[in-house]
Amino acid sequence: MSELVEVIAKALVTKPDEVSVTEEKDAGTTVVTLRVAAEDMGKIIGKQGRIAKALRTVVKAASVKTGEKVVVEIVQ
């Protein structure tokens, strides 16, 4: 899942080299943490959180195949 989040995030931001994605697994839940440059936070979140919600929706749809719960966290 981290590769999927990374590809999408790098396509959206102006500084793709500062995109960092980490993945932690814990009892059936995978937490994917996305870090971007401070000036790119608005592009990742979008107006009223629409881009962030769409990113989470895509990851959730992709995680149905594996049968595990995936949570995407966006941090600065």
N, C-alpha and C. Protein backbone atom coordinates (compact mmCIF):
# COMPACT_ATOMS: atom_id res chain seq x y z
N MET A 1 0.81 -1.20 0.00
CA MET A 1 0.00 0.00 0.00
C MET A 1 0.86 1.27 0.00
N SER A 2 2.02 1.19 0.61
CA SER A 2 2.86 2.38 0.69
C SER A 2 3.32 2.84 -0.69
N GLU A 3 3.54 1.90 -1.61
CA GLU A 3 3.94 2.27 -2.95
C GLU A 3 2.83 3.03 -3.66
N LEU A 4 1.60 2.59 -3.47
CA LEU A 4 0.45 3.26 -4.08
C LEU A 4 0.32 4.69 -3.57
N VAL A 5 0.42 4.87 -2.27
CA VAL A 5 0.32 6.21 -1.67
C VAL A 5 1.45 7.08 -2.16
N GLU A 6 2.64 6.53 -2.27
CA GLU A 6 3.80 7.30 -2.71
C GLU A 6 3.65 7.78 -4.15
N VAL A 7 3.19 6.91 -5.03
CA VAL A 7 3.02 7.28 -6.44
C VAL A 7 1.97 8.39 -6.58
N ILE A 8 0.87 8.26 -5.89
CA ILE A 8 -0.19 9.27 -5.97
C ILE A 8 0.30 10.60 -5.39
N ALA A 9 0.97 10.56 -4.25
CA ALA A 9 1.43 11.78 -3.60
C ALA A 9 2.47 12.50 -4.46
N LYS A 10 3.40 11.76 -5.03
CA LYS A 10 4.43 12.39 -5.86
C LYS A 10 3.85 13.05 -7.09
N ALA A 11 2.74 12.53 -7.59
CA ALA A 11 2.09 13.14 -8.75
C ALA A 11 1.39 14.45 -8.39
N LEU A 12 1.05 14.63 -7.13
CA LEU A 12 0.30 15.81 -6.71
C LEU A 12 1.16 16.98 -6.25
N VAL A 13 2.32 16.72 -5.71
CA VAL A 13 3.12 17.77 -5.07
C VAL A 13 4.11 18.42 -6.02
N THR A 14 4.65 19.57 -5.59
CA THR A 14 5.66 20.26 -6.39
C THR A 14 7.08 19.81 -6.02
N LYS A 15 7.25 19.23 -4.84
CA LYS A 15 8.55 18.72 -4.41
C LYS A 15 8.46 17.21 -4.16
N PRO A 16 8.45 16.41 -5.22
CA PRO A 16 8.27 14.96 -5.05
C PRO A 16 9.43 14.29 -4.31
N ASP A 17 10.60 14.91 -4.30
CA ASP A 17 11.73 14.30 -3.60
C ASP A 17 11.59 14.38 -2.08
N GLU A 18 10.67 15.21 -1.59
CA GLU A 18 10.45 15.33 -0.15
C GLU A 18 9.28 14.49 0.35
N VAL A 19 8.72 13.66 -0.51
CA VAL A 19 7.62 12.77 -0.12
C VAL A 19 8.21 11.54 0.57
N SER A 20 7.68 11.24 1.74
CA SER A 20 8.14 10.09 2.51
C SER A 20 6.93 9.29 2.97
N VAL A 21 6.97 7.98 2.74
CA VAL A 21 5.87 7.11 3.13
C VAL A 21 6.43 5.96 3.98
N THR A 22 5.83 5.77 5.16
CA THR A 22 6.21 4.65 6.01
C THR A 22 4.98 3.80 6.28
N GLU A 23 5.22 2.53 6.55
CA GLU A 23 4.12 1.59 6.76
C GLU A 23 4.39 0.79 8.03
N GLU A 24 3.41 0.76 8.93
CA GLU A 24 3.52 0.01 10.17
C GLU A 24 2.34 -0.95 10.28
N LYS A 25 2.61 -2.19 10.61
CA LYS A 25 1.54 -3.18 10.75
C LYS A 25 1.32 -3.47 12.22
N ASP A 26 0.04 -3.55 12.61
CA ASP A 26 -0.28 -3.78 14.02
C ASP A 26 -1.62 -4.50 14.12
N ALA A 27 -1.62 -5.76 14.44
CA ALA A 27 -2.82 -6.56 14.72
C ALA A 27 -3.90 -6.43 13.64
N GLY A 28 -3.53 -6.71 12.40
CA GLY A 28 -4.51 -6.69 11.33
C GLY A 28 -4.78 -5.32 10.73
N THR A 29 -4.16 -4.29 11.27
CA THR A 29 -4.33 -2.94 10.74
C THR A 29 -2.98 -2.42 10.28
N THR A 30 -2.97 -1.84 9.10
CA THR A 30 -1.75 -1.24 8.57
C THR A 30 -1.92 0.27 8.58
N VAL A 31 -0.96 0.96 9.16
CA VAL A 31 -0.98 2.41 9.21
C VAL A 31 0.07 2.93 8.24
N VAL A 32 -0.39 3.65 7.21
CA VAL A 32 0.50 4.24 6.22
C VAL A 32 0.60 5.72 6.55
N THR A 33 1.82 6.18 6.83
CA THR A 33 2.05 7.57 7.19
C THR A 33 2.70 8.29 6.02
N LEU A 34 2.07 9.38 5.59
CA LEU A 34 2.55 10.17 4.45
C LEU A 34 3.09 11.49 4.97
N ARG A 35 4.34 11.79 4.62
CA ARG A 35 4.94 13.07 4.98
C ARG A 35 5.31 13.81 3.70
N VAL A 36 4.94 15.10 3.65
CA VAL A 36 5.27 15.94 2.50
C VAL A 36 5.85 17.26 3.01
N ALA A 37 6.37 18.06 2.11
CA ALA A 37 6.90 19.37 2.47
C ALA A 37 5.74 20.25 2.95
N ALA A 38 6.07 21.21 3.79
CA ALA A 38 5.04 22.08 4.39
C ALA A 38 4.24 22.83 3.32
N GLU A 39 4.91 23.26 2.26
CA GLU A 39 4.19 24.00 1.22
C GLU A 39 3.31 23.12 0.34
N ASP A 40 3.47 21.80 0.45
CA ASP A 40 2.65 20.87 -0.33
C ASP A 40 1.47 20.29 0.44
N MET A 41 1.34 20.65 1.71
CA MET A 41 0.24 20.11 2.52
C MET A 41 -1.12 20.45 1.92
N GLY A 42 -1.27 21.66 1.44
CA GLY A 42 -2.54 22.07 0.85
C GLY A 42 -2.90 21.27 -0.38
N LYS A 43 -1.90 20.89 -1.15
CA LYS A 43 -2.16 20.11 -2.36
C LYS A 43 -2.56 18.68 -2.03
N ILE A 44 -2.02 18.14 -0.94
CA ILE A 44 -2.36 16.78 -0.54
C ILE A 44 -3.74 16.74 0.13
N ILE A 45 -4.04 17.74 0.93
CA ILE A 45 -5.32 17.76 1.64
C ILE A 45 -6.44 18.21 0.70
N GLY A 46 -6.22 19.24 -0.09
CA GLY A 46 -7.22 19.73 -1.03
C GLY A 46 -8.28 20.57 -0.36
N LYS A 47 -9.15 21.16 -1.15
CA LYS A 47 -10.23 21.98 -0.62
C LYS A 47 -11.19 21.11 0.18
N GLN A 48 -11.40 21.50 1.41
CA GLN A 48 -12.29 20.79 2.34
C GLN A 48 -11.91 19.31 2.49
N GLY A 49 -10.63 18.99 2.28
CA GLY A 49 -10.15 17.63 2.48
C GLY A 49 -10.51 16.65 1.40
N ARG A 50 -10.90 17.14 0.24
CA ARG A 50 -11.36 16.23 -0.82
C ARG A 50 -10.26 15.33 -1.37
N ILE A 51 -9.06 15.87 -1.56
CA ILE A 51 -7.97 15.06 -2.10
C ILE A 51 -7.57 13.99 -1.09
N ALA A 52 -7.47 14.36 0.18
CA ALA A 52 -7.11 13.40 1.23
C ALA A 52 -8.17 12.30 1.32
N LYS A 53 -9.42 12.67 1.22
CA LYS A 53 -10.50 11.68 1.28
C LYS A 53 -10.44 10.74 0.08
N ALA A 54 -10.15 11.29 -1.10
CA ALA A 54 -10.04 10.46 -2.30
C ALA A 54 -8.86 9.51 -2.20
N LEU A 55 -7.75 9.99 -1.65
CA LEU A 55 -6.57 9.14 -1.46
C LEU A 55 -6.90 7.99 -0.52
N ARG A 56 -7.58 8.28 0.56
CA ARG A 56 -7.97 7.23 1.52
C ARG A 56 -8.94 6.24 0.90
N THR A 57 -9.83 6.73 0.05
CA THR A 57 -10.80 5.86 -0.62
C THR A 57 -10.10 4.90 -1.58
N VAL A 58 -9.14 5.39 -2.33
CA VAL A 58 -8.40 4.54 -3.26
C VAL A 58 -7.63 3.46 -2.50
N VAL A 59 -6.98 3.85 -1.41
CA VAL A 59 -6.22 2.89 -0.61
C VAL A 59 -7.15 1.85 0.02
N LYS A 60 -8.31 2.29 0.48
CA LYS A 60 -9.28 1.36 1.07
C LYS A 60 -9.77 0.36 0.02
N ALA A 61 -10.02 0.84 -1.18
CA ALA A 61 -10.47 -0.05 -2.24
C ALA A 61 -9.38 -1.06 -2.61
N ALA A 62 -8.14 -0.62 -2.61
CA ALA A 62 -7.04 -1.53 -2.94
C ALA A 62 -6.79 -2.54 -1.82
N SER A 63 -7.10 -2.16 -0.59
CA SER A 63 -6.85 -3.05 0.54
C SER A 63 -7.90 -4.15 0.68
N VAL A 64 -8.99 -4.05 -0.05
CA VAL A 64 -10.03 -5.08 0.01
C VAL A 64 -9.46 -6.43 -0.44
N LYS A 65 -8.54 -6.41 -1.40
CA LYS A 65 -7.94 -7.66 -1.88
C LYS A 65 -7.19 -8.39 -0.78
N THR A 66 -6.49 -7.64 0.07
CA THR A 66 -5.69 -8.27 1.12
C THR A 66 -6.53 -8.62 2.35
N GLY A 67 -7.66 -7.98 2.51
CA GLY A 67 -8.54 -8.28 3.63
C GLY A 67 -8.12 -7.63 4.94
N GLU A 68 -7.20 -6.69 4.89
CA GLU A 68 -6.78 -6.01 6.10
C GLU A 68 -7.22 -4.55 6.08
N LYS A 69 -7.29 -3.95 7.24
CA LYS A 69 -7.69 -2.56 7.35
C LYS A 69 -6.45 -1.68 7.18
N VAL A 70 -6.57 -0.67 6.33
CA VAL A 70 -5.46 0.24 6.08
C VAL A 70 -5.91 1.65 6.42
N VAL A 71 -5.10 2.34 7.23
CA VAL A 71 -5.38 3.71 7.65
C VAL A 71 -4.28 4.59 7.08
N VAL A 72 -4.65 5.70 6.43
CA VAL A 72 -3.68 6.64 5.88
C VAL A 72 -3.66 7.88 6.76
N GLU A 73 -2.47 8.20 7.27
CA GLU A 73 -2.28 9.40 8.07
C GLU A 73 -1.40 10.36 7.31
N ILE A 74 -1.80 11.62 7.26
CA ILE A 74 -1.01 12.64 6.58
C ILE A 74 -0.43 13.55 7.65
N VAL A 75 0.89 13.61 7.72
CA VAL A 75 1.56 14.44 8.72
C VAL A 75 2.52 15.40 8.03
N GLN A 76 2.88 16.44 8.75
CA GLN A 76 3.76 17.45 8.18
C GLN A 76 5.19 17.20 8.56
